[in-house]
Amino acid sequence: MGPRVPEPISYSEWRPSGASISKRKNAILENTETPTKRQKLNASEQVPSTIGTVGQPFVNPRIVPVGFVWDSVDYSCGYDATFTILANLWLENRARWSANFTFLGTNLGSLGVNLQRVIDRSFSLEQARDIIRRKMHSTHPALFPYGPNGTSIDRIADNLLPSHHYGNGRQHCPLCGFSDGKTYSILESAMSVTLDPSIEYPQGVTIQEWLNSVVSRGRGWCQRCRLRGVRSKLVMRTKFDSVSPLMIFSIDHARLKFNEYIIFDCNNLPVRLRLRGIIYGGQAHFTSRFVDKEGVMWFHDGITTASRCLEEVGYRSILDLLSLQRCGDKHAVAVVYAKEY
């Protein structure tokens, strides 16, 4: 079951005063009566701001996530779903994630800069989104088109997180000890989760189990054993000197189960990344769930919830991870993990 969706609203505390939502109004919002005075939310739904007046900074211990409003002309749902997770992650620790975004990629770094401009009230969230989208389109127009054709989440992830490897591996034969002497680069920030048909995964394989198989999977068979008439598959010994602070996994099947944490052995020390978001696709539209630092889950749909994220009843903690494969009539197409600070 998906969350109960209210009528969309046309404002957010993140938006500059008097700024329009976009150059072209959202088709959903055009059919919604614009209030002459700001609507008041219930106390439990009040959207706090991180922005205060000069000399009077706003202080609120609980940050309620906000989201991007769907562009009904240029069909922005893939960007809305992805950027809503990233923007709210950034909002929790602006200094740390601004540095991480800059380190991870040019467009992701620009997103951090633009989000700061939203905080400074010089941009709307949608303007911050559209600037990055325009850069992606100008570089790869066929991959990131405007209009109803849309794009895929894995393309967005690959563009935001360019190729950089965090582990090095050497493969060897577990039977005879043969090694080809080569060093292989392993583990990127954006990866597609595909199940190897030659491996018998447990029912409901987890992201962690898939990762363990990837970093230990050799490339081919031992030639020395083959000469003796023995089939022995090579295995990889992998070492991690560092791990990406942000990882996005694209998935295309329903057997996968999400871990609350994924763990890497980095120089004999455990490094943990926590589940922070899930992107769902279906019926030519994307939605998302964001998991805040307290473990509370929030739902966003740029069409129906507009700039709001809805706290989901029953997801105060991530207990039934297999049930997160679906959200309403959509299925998970990507999952986001991030380091905790």
Protein backbone atom coordinates (compact mmCIF):
# COMPACT_ATOMS: atom_id res chain seq x y z
CA MET A 1 0.00 0.00 0.00
CA GLY A 2 1.24 3.47 -0.79
CA PRO A 3 0.80 6.45 1.52
CA ARG A 4 -2.34 8.54 1.58
CA VAL A 5 -1.81 11.46 -0.75
CA PRO A 6 -3.34 14.88 0.00
CA GLU A 7 -4.08 17.67 -2.40
CA PRO A 8 -0.89 19.31 -3.73
CA ILE A 9 0.22 22.62 -2.31
CA SER A 10 2.01 25.32 -4.22
CA TYR A 11 4.57 26.56 -1.77
CA SER A 12 7.54 25.49 0.32
CA GLU A 13 9.59 27.24 2.94
CA TRP A 14 12.57 26.55 0.69
CA ARG A 15 11.19 28.81 -2.02
CA PRO A 16 12.19 32.46 -2.47
CA SER A 17 9.47 34.86 -1.38
CA GLY A 18 7.22 35.62 -4.35
CA ALA A 19 9.09 33.28 -6.71
CA SER A 20 7.08 31.21 -9.13
CA ILE A 21 7.32 27.46 -8.95
CA SER A 22 8.62 27.30 -12.51
CA LYS A 23 8.35 29.18 -15.77
CA ARG A 24 5.32 27.07 -16.62
CA LYS A 25 2.87 26.24 -13.87
CA ASN A 26 2.40 22.65 -12.93
CA ALA A 27 -0.72 21.30 -14.65
CA ILE A 28 -1.89 19.77 -11.37
CA LEU A 29 -1.48 23.07 -9.56
CA GLU A 30 -3.35 24.99 -12.23
CA ASN A 31 -6.48 23.16 -11.14
CA THR A 32 -5.88 23.96 -7.49
CA GLU A 33 -7.24 27.14 -5.97
CA THR A 34 -4.36 29.42 -4.98
CA PRO A 35 -4.84 30.61 -1.39
CA THR A 36 -4.72 34.33 -0.77
CA LYS A 37 -3.12 33.62 2.58
CA ARG A 38 -0.69 30.86 3.35
CA GLN A 39 -2.45 27.70 4.40
CA LYS A 40 -1.72 26.56 7.92
CA LEU A 41 -0.72 22.97 8.36
CA ASN A 42 -1.47 20.92 11.43
CA ALA A 43 1.19 21.17 14.10
CA SER A 44 2.49 17.72 13.21
CA GLU A 45 2.75 18.72 9.51
CA GLN A 46 4.28 22.17 9.88
CA VAL A 47 7.13 22.62 7.40
CA PRO A 48 10.01 24.31 9.24
CA SER A 49 12.58 26.47 7.52
CA THR A 50 16.32 26.49 7.96
CA ILE A 51 16.34 30.14 6.96
CA GLY A 52 15.87 32.98 9.42
CA THR A 53 15.67 36.73 9.09
CA VAL A 54 18.85 38.75 9.37
CA GLY A 55 20.18 38.50 12.90
CA GLN A 56 17.50 35.98 13.86
CA PRO A 57 18.44 32.51 12.63
CA PHE A 58 15.64 29.98 12.64
CA VAL A 59 16.21 27.06 15.01
CA ASN A 60 14.14 23.90 14.80
CA PRO A 61 15.46 20.50 15.87
CA ARG A 62 13.30 18.65 13.35
CA ILE A 63 13.73 19.20 9.64
CA VAL A 64 10.70 18.16 7.62
CA PRO A 65 11.84 17.09 4.12
CA VAL A 66 10.64 18.94 1.05
CA GLY A 67 10.42 17.88 -2.57
CA PHE A 68 10.53 19.06 -6.17
CA VAL A 69 7.33 19.94 -8.02
CA TRP A 70 6.81 18.02 -11.27
CA ASP A 71 7.24 19.88 -14.56
CA SER A 72 4.19 18.83 -16.59
CA VAL A 73 5.66 20.15 -19.85
CA ASP A 74 9.18 18.73 -19.71
CA TYR A 75 8.42 15.70 -17.53
CA SER A 76 10.88 15.98 -14.65
CA CYS A 77 9.84 13.02 -12.47
CA GLY A 78 13.13 11.11 -12.74
CA TYR A 79 15.05 14.16 -11.56
CA ASP A 80 12.42 15.00 -8.91
CA ALA A 81 12.63 11.54 -7.35
CA THR A 82 16.44 11.47 -7.34
CA PHE A 83 17.06 15.09 -6.32
CA THR A 84 14.48 14.98 -3.50
CA ILE A 85 16.57 12.29 -1.77
CA LEU A 86 19.87 14.06 -2.44
CA ALA A 87 18.59 17.52 -1.45
CA ASN A 88 17.23 16.34 1.88
CA LEU A 89 20.40 14.40 2.57
CA TRP A 90 22.36 17.59 1.86
CA LEU A 91 20.08 19.62 4.12
CA GLU A 92 20.92 17.46 7.14
CA ASN A 93 24.61 18.41 7.00
CA ARG A 94 25.21 21.12 4.42
CA ALA A 95 28.95 21.60 4.95
CA ARG A 96 29.78 17.90 4.81
CA TRP A 97 27.56 17.06 1.85
CA SER A 98 28.57 20.14 -0.14
CA ALA A 99 32.15 18.87 0.09
CA ASN A 100 31.08 15.31 -0.75
CA PHE A 101 29.00 16.42 -3.74
CA THR A 102 31.93 18.46 -5.11
CA PHE A 103 34.28 15.50 -4.67
CA LEU A 104 31.92 13.02 -6.32
CA GLY A 105 31.13 14.85 -9.56
CA THR A 106 30.79 18.18 -11.36
CA ASN A 107 27.02 18.11 -11.75
CA LEU A 108 26.49 16.82 -8.23
CA GLY A 109 28.76 19.58 -6.93
CA SER A 110 26.72 22.13 -8.87
CA LEU A 111 23.57 20.73 -7.27
CA GLY A 112 25.05 21.46 -3.84
CA VAL A 113 25.89 25.03 -4.90
CA ASN A 114 22.38 25.55 -6.27
CA LEU A 115 20.78 24.16 -3.13
CA GLN A 116 22.70 26.72 -1.10
CA ARG A 117 21.20 29.39 -3.35
CA VAL A 118 17.79 27.98 -2.51
CA ILE A 119 18.62 28.39 1.17
CA ASP A 120 19.74 31.96 0.40
CA ARG A 121 16.34 32.56 -1.28
CA SER A 122 17.79 33.38 -4.68
CA PHE A 123 16.62 30.15 -6.37
CA SER A 124 13.59 27.93 -6.17
CA LEU A 125 14.10 24.19 -5.83
CA GLU A 126 12.86 23.73 -9.38
CA GLN A 127 15.34 26.29 -10.72
CA ALA A 128 18.14 24.39 -8.97
CA ARG A 129 16.90 21.19 -10.62
CA ASP A 130 16.49 22.71 -14.07
CA ILE A 131 20.02 24.11 -14.16
CA ILE A 132 21.52 20.66 -13.58
CA ARG A 133 19.08 19.07 -16.01
CA ARG A 134 20.02 21.62 -18.67
CA LYS A 135 23.72 20.75 -18.26
CA MET A 136 22.99 17.06 -18.58
CA HIS A 137 20.85 17.63 -21.67
CA SER A 138 23.44 19.87 -23.36
CA THR A 139 26.13 17.21 -22.91
CA HIS A 140 24.01 14.16 -23.81
CA PRO A 141 20.74 15.31 -25.44
CA ALA A 142 19.74 11.82 -26.53
CA LEU A 143 20.16 10.41 -23.01
CA PHE A 144 18.51 13.30 -21.19
CA PRO A 145 15.72 14.58 -23.46
CA TYR A 146 12.99 17.03 -22.62
CA GLY A 147 9.35 16.09 -22.94
CA PRO A 148 7.45 12.83 -22.40
CA ASN A 149 10.24 10.51 -23.58
CA GLY A 150 12.08 11.01 -20.29
CA THR A 151 15.21 9.24 -19.08
CA SER A 152 16.12 6.44 -16.68
CA ILE A 153 17.33 6.61 -13.09
CA ASP A 154 20.52 4.69 -13.86
CA ARG A 155 21.47 7.31 -16.48
CA ILE A 156 20.90 10.11 -13.98
CA ALA A 157 22.95 8.26 -11.36
CA ASP A 158 25.80 7.56 -13.79
CA ASN A 159 25.89 11.23 -14.79
CA LEU A 160 25.86 12.53 -11.22
CA LEU A 161 28.44 9.97 -10.05
CA PRO A 162 31.10 9.61 -12.78
CA SER A 163 33.28 6.51 -12.80
CA HIS A 164 35.68 6.29 -9.88
CA HIS A 165 36.81 2.99 -8.35
CA TYR A 166 37.32 2.52 -4.62
CA GLY A 167 38.75 -1.01 -4.46
CA ASN A 168 41.57 -2.98 -6.06
CA GLY A 169 41.48 -6.73 -6.50
CA ARG A 170 43.76 -9.58 -7.51
CA GLN A 171 42.27 -12.86 -8.61
CA HIS A 172 43.59 -16.28 -7.77
CA CYS A 173 42.60 -19.93 -8.02
CA PRO A 174 41.31 -21.41 -4.74
CA LEU A 175 42.56 -24.88 -5.77
CA CYS A 176 46.09 -24.35 -7.05
CA GLY A 177 46.79 -20.76 -5.99
CA PHE A 178 47.45 -19.52 -9.52
CA SER A 179 47.24 -15.73 -10.04
CA ASP A 180 47.42 -13.80 -13.29
CA GLY A 181 49.28 -10.96 -11.53
CA LYS A 182 46.85 -8.28 -12.72
CA THR A 183 45.18 -5.64 -10.57
CA TYR A 184 41.49 -4.99 -11.18
CA SER A 185 39.50 -1.89 -10.26
CA ILE A 186 36.34 -2.64 -8.30
CA LEU A 187 33.35 -0.79 -6.84
CA GLU A 188 31.91 2.48 -8.14
CA SER A 189 29.49 4.99 -6.65
CA ALA A 190 26.77 4.16 -9.20
CA MET A 191 26.21 0.48 -9.96
CA SER A 192 23.57 -1.69 -11.60
CA VAL A 193 22.54 -4.69 -9.52
CA THR A 194 22.40 -7.69 -11.82
CA LEU A 195 22.23 -11.26 -10.56
CA ASP A 196 24.84 -13.62 -12.01
CA PRO A 197 22.95 -16.67 -13.38
CA SER A 198 25.91 -18.89 -12.47
CA ILE A 199 25.58 -18.05 -8.76
CA GLU A 200 22.91 -19.59 -6.51
CA TYR A 201 21.75 -16.62 -4.45
CA PRO A 202 19.57 -17.15 -1.38
CA GLN A 203 15.88 -16.35 -1.71
CA GLY A 204 15.46 -12.63 -1.17
CA VAL A 205 19.14 -11.82 -1.78
CA THR A 206 20.25 -8.62 -0.06
CA ILE A 207 22.28 -5.71 -1.42
CA GLN A 208 25.09 -6.74 0.95
CA GLU A 209 25.11 -10.32 -0.34
CA TRP A 210 25.18 -9.07 -3.92
CA LEU A 211 28.06 -6.70 -3.12
CA ASN A 212 30.01 -9.49 -1.42
CA SER A 213 29.65 -11.62 -4.54
CA VAL A 214 30.72 -8.74 -6.81
CA VAL A 215 33.90 -7.89 -4.93
CA SER A 216 34.91 -11.56 -4.64
CA ARG A 217 33.93 -12.66 -8.15
CA GLY A 218 36.84 -13.68 -10.37
CA ARG A 219 36.91 -13.16 -14.11
CA GLY A 220 37.10 -16.49 -15.78
CA TRP A 221 38.49 -19.95 -15.05
CA CYS A 222 41.92 -21.10 -13.93
CA GLN A 223 43.91 -22.06 -17.02
CA ARG A 224 46.42 -24.11 -15.03
CA CYS A 225 43.68 -26.30 -13.55
CA ARG A 226 42.03 -26.59 -16.96
CA LEU A 227 45.18 -28.23 -18.34
CA ARG A 228 44.77 -30.88 -15.65
CA GLY A 229 41.16 -31.44 -16.61
CA VAL A 230 39.83 -29.60 -13.55
CA ARG A 231 37.35 -26.73 -13.64
CA SER A 232 38.12 -24.08 -11.03
CA LYS A 233 36.70 -20.58 -11.11
CA LEU A 234 38.97 -17.72 -10.14
CA VAL A 235 38.07 -15.64 -7.09
CA MET A 236 39.00 -12.06 -6.25
CA ARG A 237 40.82 -10.76 -3.20
CA THR A 238 39.78 -7.14 -2.85
CA LYS A 239 41.18 -4.32 -0.74
CA PHE A 240 39.41 -1.01 -0.07
CA ASP A 241 41.44 2.05 0.85
CA SER A 242 38.31 4.21 0.87
CA VAL A 243 34.58 3.96 0.16
CA SER A 244 32.32 6.42 -1.60
CA PRO A 245 30.21 8.49 0.83
CA LEU A 246 27.24 8.05 -1.50
CA MET A 247 26.17 5.04 -3.56
CA ILE A 248 23.21 4.58 -5.89
CA PHE A 249 22.25 1.06 -6.96
CA SER A 250 19.95 0.60 -9.95
CA ILE A 251 17.86 -2.57 -9.67
CA ASP A 252 15.58 -4.35 -12.11
CA HIS A 253 14.12 -7.33 -10.28
CA ALA A 254 11.92 -8.04 -7.29
CA ARG A 255 14.06 -10.67 -5.56
CA LEU A 256 16.35 -8.10 -4.00
CA LYS A 257 16.02 -7.23 -0.32
CA PHE A 258 17.37 -3.96 1.05
CA ASN A 259 19.78 -3.85 3.98
CA GLU A 260 19.39 -1.03 6.47
CA TYR A 261 23.20 -0.83 6.37
CA ILE A 262 25.84 -2.06 3.95
CA ILE A 263 29.33 -2.59 5.40
CA PHE A 264 32.78 -2.55 3.83
CA ASP A 265 36.09 -3.65 5.34
CA CYS A 266 38.30 -0.62 4.73
CA ASN A 267 41.87 -1.15 5.98
CA ASN A 268 40.53 -3.58 8.61
CA LEU A 269 37.96 -1.06 9.83
CA PRO A 270 34.21 -1.37 9.13
CA VAL A 271 32.70 1.45 7.06
CA ARG A 272 28.90 1.59 7.09
CA LEU A 273 26.54 3.21 4.62
CA ARG A 274 22.88 3.54 5.59
CA LEU A 275 19.77 3.24 3.45
CA ARG A 276 18.64 6.82 2.77
CA GLY A 277 16.27 6.59 -0.16
CA ILE A 278 14.37 4.40 -2.61
CA ILE A 279 13.18 5.43 -6.08
CA TYR A 280 10.12 3.76 -7.58
CA GLY A 281 9.01 3.50 -11.20
CA GLY A 282 5.95 2.35 -13.08
CA GLN A 283 3.24 3.68 -15.40
CA ALA A 284 5.80 6.06 -16.95
CA HIS A 285 6.35 7.93 -13.67
CA PHE A 286 8.86 7.97 -10.78
CA THR A 287 8.27 8.59 -7.06
CA SER A 288 10.57 8.23 -4.07
CA ARG A 289 10.95 7.59 -0.38
CA PHE A 290 13.51 9.44 1.73
CA VAL A 291 14.79 8.02 5.01
CA ASP A 292 15.89 10.77 7.37
CA LYS A 293 18.70 10.51 9.93
CA GLU A 294 16.22 9.42 12.60
CA GLY A 295 15.07 6.51 10.43
CA VAL A 296 11.70 8.09 9.63
CA MET A 297 10.49 7.41 6.10
CA TRP A 298 8.94 10.10 3.90
CA PHE A 299 7.08 9.71 0.61
CA HIS A 300 7.31 12.15 -2.30
CA ASP A 301 5.56 12.39 -5.67
CA GLY A 302 6.16 15.58 -7.62
CA ILE A 303 2.65 15.40 -9.09
CA THR A 304 0.45 14.53 -6.13
CA THR A 305 2.40 15.80 -3.11
CA ALA A 306 4.14 18.64 -5.00
CA SER A 307 6.66 20.32 -2.65
CA ARG A 308 5.66 18.22 0.36
CA CYS A 309 7.04 14.94 1.65
CA LEU A 310 4.61 12.82 3.66
CA GLU A 311 5.66 11.01 6.80
CA GLU A 312 4.58 7.41 6.43
CA VAL A 313 2.67 5.76 9.24
CA GLY A 314 4.31 2.52 10.31
CA TYR A 315 7.79 3.33 9.04
CA ARG A 316 9.31 4.88 12.14
CA SER A 317 11.99 2.23 11.78
CA ILE A 318 12.97 0.09 8.82
CA LEU A 319 11.71 -3.30 9.90
CA ASP A 320 10.20 -5.12 6.94
CA LEU A 321 12.78 -4.32 4.29
CA LEU A 322 11.35 -6.72 1.74
CA SER A 323 8.06 -4.80 1.73
CA LEU A 324 9.92 -1.70 0.52
CA GLN A 325 10.19 -3.27 -2.93
CA ARG A 326 6.84 -1.72 -3.80
CA CYS A 327 5.17 1.61 -3.18
CA GLY A 328 1.56 1.75 -4.33
CA ASP A 329 1.45 0.61 -7.95
CA LYS A 330 5.19 1.12 -8.51
CA HIS A 331 8.27 -1.02 -7.88
CA ALA A 332 11.75 -0.08 -6.70
CA VAL A 333 14.17 0.82 -9.50
CA ALA A 334 17.02 2.32 -7.45
CA VAL A 335 18.20 2.56 -3.87
CA VAL A 336 20.46 5.18 -2.26
CA TYR A 337 22.98 4.54 0.54
CA ALA A 338 25.09 7.18 2.29
CA LYS A 339 27.61 7.50 5.10
CA GLU A 340 26.36 8.81 8.41
CA TYR A 341 27.86 11.97 9.93
